[in-house]
C-alpha atoms as a PDB file:
ATOM      1  CA  MET A   1     -11.850  38.105  -9.538  1.00  0.00           C
ATOM      2  CA  GLU A   2     -12.410  34.972  -7.476  1.00  0.00           C
ATOM      3  CA  ASN A   3     -12.693  35.287  -3.718  1.00  0.00           C
ATOM      4  CA  SER A   4      -9.588  33.613  -2.227  1.00  0.00           C
ATOM      5  CA  HIS A   5     -11.585  32.436   0.784  1.00  0.00           C
ATOM      6  CA  CYS A   6     -14.039  30.547  -1.436  1.00  0.00           C
ATOM      7  CA  SER A   7     -11.296  28.970  -3.541  1.00  0.00           C
ATOM      8  CA  GLN A   8      -9.693  27.489  -0.414  1.00  0.00           C
ATOM      9  CA  MET A   9     -12.853  25.792   0.804  1.00  0.00           C
ATOM     10  CA  VAL A  10     -12.699  22.011   0.817  1.00  0.00           C
ATOM     11  CA  LYS A  11     -15.746  19.819   0.430  1.00  0.00           C
ATOM     12  CA  GLN A  12     -16.595  18.328   3.829  1.00  0.00           C
ATOM     13  CA  ARG A  13     -17.627  14.678   3.675  1.00  0.00           C
ATOM     14  CA  ILE A  14     -20.653  13.690   5.730  1.00  0.00           C
ATOM     15  CA  CYS A  15     -21.641  10.055   6.111  1.00  0.00           C
ATOM     16  CA  HIS A  16     -25.225   8.781   5.972  1.00  0.00           C
ATOM     17  CA  CYS A  17     -25.666   9.095   9.753  1.00  0.00           C
ATOM     18  CA  GLY A  18     -24.691  12.793   9.694  1.00  0.00           C
ATOM     19  CA  HIS A  19     -21.156  12.522  11.115  1.00  0.00           C
ATOM     20  CA  VAL A  20     -17.783  13.253   9.563  1.00  0.00           C
ATOM     21  CA  PRO A  21     -16.315   9.953   8.309  1.00  0.00           C
ATOM     22  CA  VAL A  22     -12.777   8.878   9.160  1.00  0.00           C
ATOM     23  CA  MET A  23     -10.000   7.872   6.795  1.00  0.00           C
ATOM     24  CA  LYS A  24      -8.916   4.254   7.151  1.00  0.00           C
ATOM     25  CA  THR A  25      -6.531   1.981   5.280  1.00  0.00           C
ATOM     26  CA  SER A  26      -7.491  -1.266   3.593  1.00  0.00           C
ATOM     27  CA  TRP A  27      -5.127  -4.215   4.023  1.00  0.00           C
ATOM     28  CA  THR A  28      -7.065  -6.714   1.915  1.00  0.00           C
ATOM     29  CA  GLU A  29      -5.185  -8.622  -0.762  1.00  0.00           C
ATOM     30  CA  GLY A  30      -7.098  -6.787  -3.494  1.00  0.00           C
ATOM     31  CA  ASN A  31      -6.540  -3.275  -2.065  1.00  0.00           C
ATOM     32  CA  PRO A  32      -3.381  -3.318   0.089  1.00  0.00           C
ATOM     33  CA  GLY A  33      -2.570   0.109   1.524  1.00  0.00           C
ATOM     34  CA  ARG A  34      -5.484   1.786  -0.261  1.00  0.00           C
ATOM     35  CA  ARG A  35      -7.123   4.508   1.830  1.00  0.00           C
ATOM     36  CA  PHE A  36     -10.855   5.008   2.116  1.00  0.00           C
ATOM     37  CA  TRP A  37     -13.414   7.067   3.998  1.00  0.00           C
ATOM     38  CA  GLY A  38     -15.717   5.144   6.316  1.00  0.00           C
ATOM     39  CA  CYS A  39     -18.325   5.719   8.992  1.00  0.00           C
ATOM     40  CA  ARG A  40     -16.674   6.410  12.330  1.00  0.00           C
ATOM     41  CA  PHE A  41     -19.065   3.949  13.950  1.00  0.00           C
ATOM     42  CA  TYR A  42     -18.081   1.019  11.709  1.00  0.00           C
ATOM     43  CA  GLY A  43     -18.668  -2.266  13.526  1.00  0.00           C
ATOM     44  CA  LYS A  44     -21.164  -0.738  15.960  1.00  0.00           C
ATOM     45  CA  ALA A  45     -24.960  -0.772  15.941  1.00  0.00           C
ATOM     46  CA  GLN A  46     -25.268   2.917  14.938  1.00  0.00           C
ATOM     47  CA  ALA A  47     -22.975   2.568  11.865  1.00  0.00           C
ATOM     48  CA  CYS A  48     -24.439   3.665   8.533  1.00  0.00           C
ATOM     49  CA  ASN A  49     -21.943   1.724   6.346  1.00  0.00           C
ATOM     50  CA  TYR A  50     -20.731   4.871   4.549  1.00  0.00           C
ATOM     51  CA  PHE A  51     -17.824   4.040   2.239  1.00  0.00           C
ATOM     52  CA  ASP A  52     -15.860   6.027  -0.363  1.00  0.00           C
ATOM     53  CA  TRP A  53     -12.393   5.339  -1.762  1.00  0.00           C
ATOM     54  CA  ALA A  54      -9.859   8.128  -1.129  1.00  0.00           C
ATOM     55  CA  ASP A  55      -7.159   6.597  -3.357  1.00  0.00           C
ATOM     56  CA  PRO A  56      -7.401   5.314  -6.922  1.00  0.00           C
ATOM     57  CA  ALA A  57      -7.356   1.553  -7.492  1.00  0.00           C
ATOM     58  CA  PRO A  58      -3.812   0.181  -7.167  1.00  0.00           C
ATOM     59  CA  HIS A  59      -2.016  -1.293 -10.186  1.00  0.00           C
ATOM     60  CA  ASP A  60      -1.507  -5.059 -10.255  1.00  0.00           C
ATOM     61  CA  ARG A  61       2.287  -4.715  -9.837  1.00  0.00           C
ATOM     62  CA  TYR A  62       1.803  -2.513  -6.756  1.00  0.00           C
ATOM     63  CA  LYS A  63      -0.579  -5.095  -5.250  1.00  0.00           C
ATOM     64  CA  CYS A  64       1.897  -7.895  -5.925  1.00  0.00           C
ATOM     65  CA  VAL A  65       4.806  -6.026  -4.297  1.00  0.00           C
ATOM     66  CA  ILE A  66       2.844  -4.850  -1.240  1.00  0.00           C
ATOM     67  CA  ASN A  67       1.267  -8.275  -0.659  1.00  0.00           C
ATOM     68  CA  GLY A  68       4.709  -9.905  -0.954  1.00  0.00           C
ATOM     69  CA  LEU A  69       6.162  -7.487   1.596  1.00  0.00           C
ATOM     70  CA  LEU A  70       3.242  -8.090   3.961  1.00  0.00           C
ATOM     71  CA  ARG A  71       3.752 -11.873   3.713  1.00  0.00           C
ATOM     72  CA  LYS A  72       7.459 -11.477   4.516  1.00  0.00           C
ATOM     73  CA  LYS A  73       6.638  -9.208   7.455  1.00  0.00           C
ATOM     74  CA  ASN A  74       4.135 -11.733   8.817  1.00  0.00           C
ATOM     75  CA  GLU A  75       6.615 -14.598   8.392  1.00  0.00           C
ATOM     76  CA  ALA A  76       9.302 -12.600  10.229  1.00  0.00           C
ATOM     77  CA  HIS A  77       6.849 -11.823  13.038  1.00  0.00           C
ATOM     78  CA  LYS A  78       5.969 -15.522  13.415  1.00  0.00           C
ATOM     79  CA  GLU A  79       9.669 -16.440  13.452  1.00  0.00           C
ATOM     80  CA  LYS A  80      10.328 -13.807  16.128  1.00  0.00           C
ATOM     81  CA  GLU A  81       7.515 -15.217  18.299  1.00  0.00           C
ATOM     82  CA  LYS A  82       8.888 -18.733  17.826  1.00  0.00           C
ATOM     83  CA  MET A  83      12.383 -17.589  18.868  1.00  0.00           C
ATOM     84  CA  SER A  84      10.989 -15.757  21.906  1.00  0.00           C
ATOM     85  CA  LYS A  85       9.255 -18.953  23.062  1.00  0.00           C
ATOM     86  CA  THR A  86      12.474 -20.939  22.571  1.00  0.00           C
ATOM     87  CA  ILE A  87      14.467 -18.392  24.579  1.00  0.00           C
ATOM     88  CA  SER A  88      11.846 -18.507  27.337  1.00  0.00           C
ATOM     89  CA  ILE A  89      12.135 -22.297  27.512  1.00  0.00           C
ATOM     90  CA  TYR A  90      15.937 -22.075  27.722  1.00  0.00           C
ATOM     91  CA  HIS A  91      15.611 -19.469  30.458  1.00  0.00           C
ATOM     92  CA  VAL A  92      13.346 -21.753  32.522  1.00  0.00           C
ATOM     93  CA  VAL A  93      15.637 -24.770  32.037  1.00  0.00           C
ATOM     94  CA  PHE A  94      18.705 -22.731  32.994  1.00  0.00           C
ATOM     95  CA  SER A  95      16.959 -21.360  36.096  1.00  0.00           C
ATOM     96  CA  LEU A  96      15.955 -24.868  37.175  1.00  0.00           C
ATOM     97  CA  LEU A  97      19.525 -26.104  36.704  1.00  0.00           C
ATOM     98  CA  VAL A  98      20.880 -23.232  38.797  1.00  0.00           C
ATOM     99  CA  LEU A  99      18.370 -24.013  41.554  1.00  0.00           C
ATOM    100  CA  TYR A 100      19.201 -27.722  41.401  1.00  0.00           C
ATOM    101  CA  PHE A 101      22.948 -27.114  41.726  1.00  0.00           C
ATOM    102  CA  ALA A 102      22.456 -24.494  44.446  1.00  0.00           C
ATOM    103  CA  PHE A 103      20.270 -26.915  46.404  1.00  0.00           C
ATOM    104  CA  TRP A 104      22.783 -29.744  45.839  1.00  0.00           C
ATOM    105  CA  VAL A 105      25.737 -27.601  47.039  1.00  0.00           C
ATOM    106  CA  LEU A 106      23.941 -26.161  50.078  1.00  0.00           C
ATOM    107  CA  PHE A 107      22.362 -29.374  51.327  1.00  0.00           C
END
């Protein structure tokens, strides 16, 4: 009979620099939303460049849908920023008009 404690053990990943890697998500066009294990020091001098995919390669249809959704999200974000700038300009113009009329009425 198999020891239940041993059957529940999970293989611990260790990167090349001896630390436990962290799971990250790729947002490249070729691997949108695909998770991978990477060195926790990625981008720093002590990084060992450990890399291992956690998810299987996405199907072409999945990539197409996710990339399309990401483009729409980015377009909506840009439109929101544009609208915020426009509202800010209107706010400044309105405030200046109020000050002008207040100054004109008082003096």
